Amino acid sequence: MALKVKLVRSMSGHTEKHRATLRGMGLTRVGRERVLQDTPAIRGMINKVSYLVQWSETNDAFKPFGRRSLAKAQRDAAKGAKA
């Protein structure tokens, strides 16, 4: 099970801790959606900024996002091509 989270209100004018929480979930722009793992940590993050997001449970698969996961995927693909 995963959670689909969508940013529906702007981050501007809100506390830095709440903006950091949203960035940690990968929500940087209004309208952006992410599929996140259903863990107590993610549930707590959603609870903290619940007035800025909409969320629902989904059966979609979680896909890592961000620069680190993209770089790791590229490294793994390069290793697979060499072997």
Protein backbone atom coordinates (compact mmCIF):
# COMPACT_ATOMS: atom_id res chain seq x y z
CA MET A 1 0.00 0.00 0.00
CA ALA A 2 1.20 3.51 -0.78
CA LEU A 3 -0.02 7.06 -0.29
CA LYS A 4 -0.65 9.57 -3.07
CA VAL A 5 0.05 13.07 -1.77
CA LYS A 6 -0.69 16.29 -3.67
CA LEU A 7 0.34 19.84 -2.73
CA VAL A 8 -2.78 22.02 -3.02
CA ARG A 9 -1.67 25.23 -1.29
CA SER A 10 1.47 27.31 -1.71
CA MET A 11 4.40 27.01 0.68
CA SER A 12 4.98 30.76 0.78
CA GLY A 13 4.09 32.44 4.03
CA HIS A 14 4.40 29.25 6.08
CA THR A 15 7.06 28.24 8.57
CA GLU A 16 10.43 26.95 7.42
CA LYS A 17 9.84 23.63 9.22
CA HIS A 18 6.67 23.02 7.22
CA ARG A 19 8.37 23.97 3.96
CA ALA A 20 11.23 21.58 4.77
CA THR A 21 8.69 18.82 5.47
CA LEU A 22 7.08 19.38 2.07
CA ARG A 23 10.45 19.37 0.32
CA GLY A 24 11.29 16.13 2.13
CA MET A 25 8.19 14.57 0.61
CA GLY A 26 9.18 15.87 -2.84
CA LEU A 27 6.39 18.43 -3.04
CA THR A 28 7.97 21.60 -4.37
CA ARG A 29 5.22 23.11 -6.52
CA VAL A 30 1.46 23.46 -6.21
CA GLY A 31 -0.23 20.62 -8.07
CA ARG A 32 2.68 18.20 -7.79
CA GLU A 33 1.78 14.66 -6.75
CA ARG A 34 4.02 11.99 -5.28
CA VAL A 35 3.41 8.36 -4.44
CA LEU A 36 5.09 7.70 -1.09
CA GLN A 37 5.54 4.62 1.04
CA ASP A 38 2.98 4.19 3.79
CA THR A 39 5.16 4.45 6.90
CA PRO A 40 4.57 6.08 10.29
CA ALA A 41 7.18 8.73 9.41
CA ILE A 42 5.38 9.72 6.20
CA ARG A 43 2.02 9.70 8.00
CA GLY A 44 3.48 12.08 10.58
CA MET A 45 4.80 14.38 7.86
CA ILE A 46 1.38 14.45 6.20
CA ASN A 47 -0.27 15.16 9.55
CA LYS A 48 2.10 18.07 10.17
CA VAL A 49 1.24 19.81 6.88
CA SER A 50 -2.28 18.45 6.41
CA TYR A 51 -3.66 21.93 5.76
CA LEU A 52 -1.44 22.21 2.64
CA VAL A 53 -1.90 18.76 1.07
CA GLN A 54 -4.51 16.26 -0.06
CA TRP A 55 -3.74 12.58 0.24
CA SER A 56 -5.30 9.20 -0.44
CA GLU A 57 -4.33 5.56 -0.25
CA THR A 58 -3.44 3.92 -3.54
CA ASN A 59 -2.19 0.65 -4.97
CA ASP A 60 0.37 2.40 -7.20
CA ALA A 61 3.98 1.38 -6.67
CA PHE A 62 6.36 3.69 -4.85
CA LYS A 63 9.09 5.06 -7.13
CA PRO A 64 12.11 6.76 -5.54
CA PHE A 65 12.63 10.35 -6.67
CA GLY A 66 15.34 12.97 -6.40
CA ARG A 67 18.92 13.39 -7.57
CA ARG A 68 20.38 10.64 -5.42
CA SER A 69 17.98 7.94 -6.56
CA LEU A 70 18.37 9.03 -10.21
CA ALA A 71 22.18 8.88 -9.94
CA LYS A 72 21.98 5.46 -8.29
CA ALA A 73 19.73 4.15 -11.05
CA GLN A 74 22.15 5.43 -13.68
CA ARG A 75 25.13 3.83 -11.91
CA ASP A 76 23.28 0.51 -11.65
CA ALA A 77 22.36 0.67 -15.34
CA ALA A 78 26.00 1.37 -16.29
CA LYS A 79 27.19 -1.59 -14.19
CA GLY A 80 24.61 -3.83 -15.86
CA ALA A 81 25.76 -2.73 -19.32
CA LYS A 82 29.42 -3.50 -18.51
CA ALA A 83 28.70 -7.01 -17.24
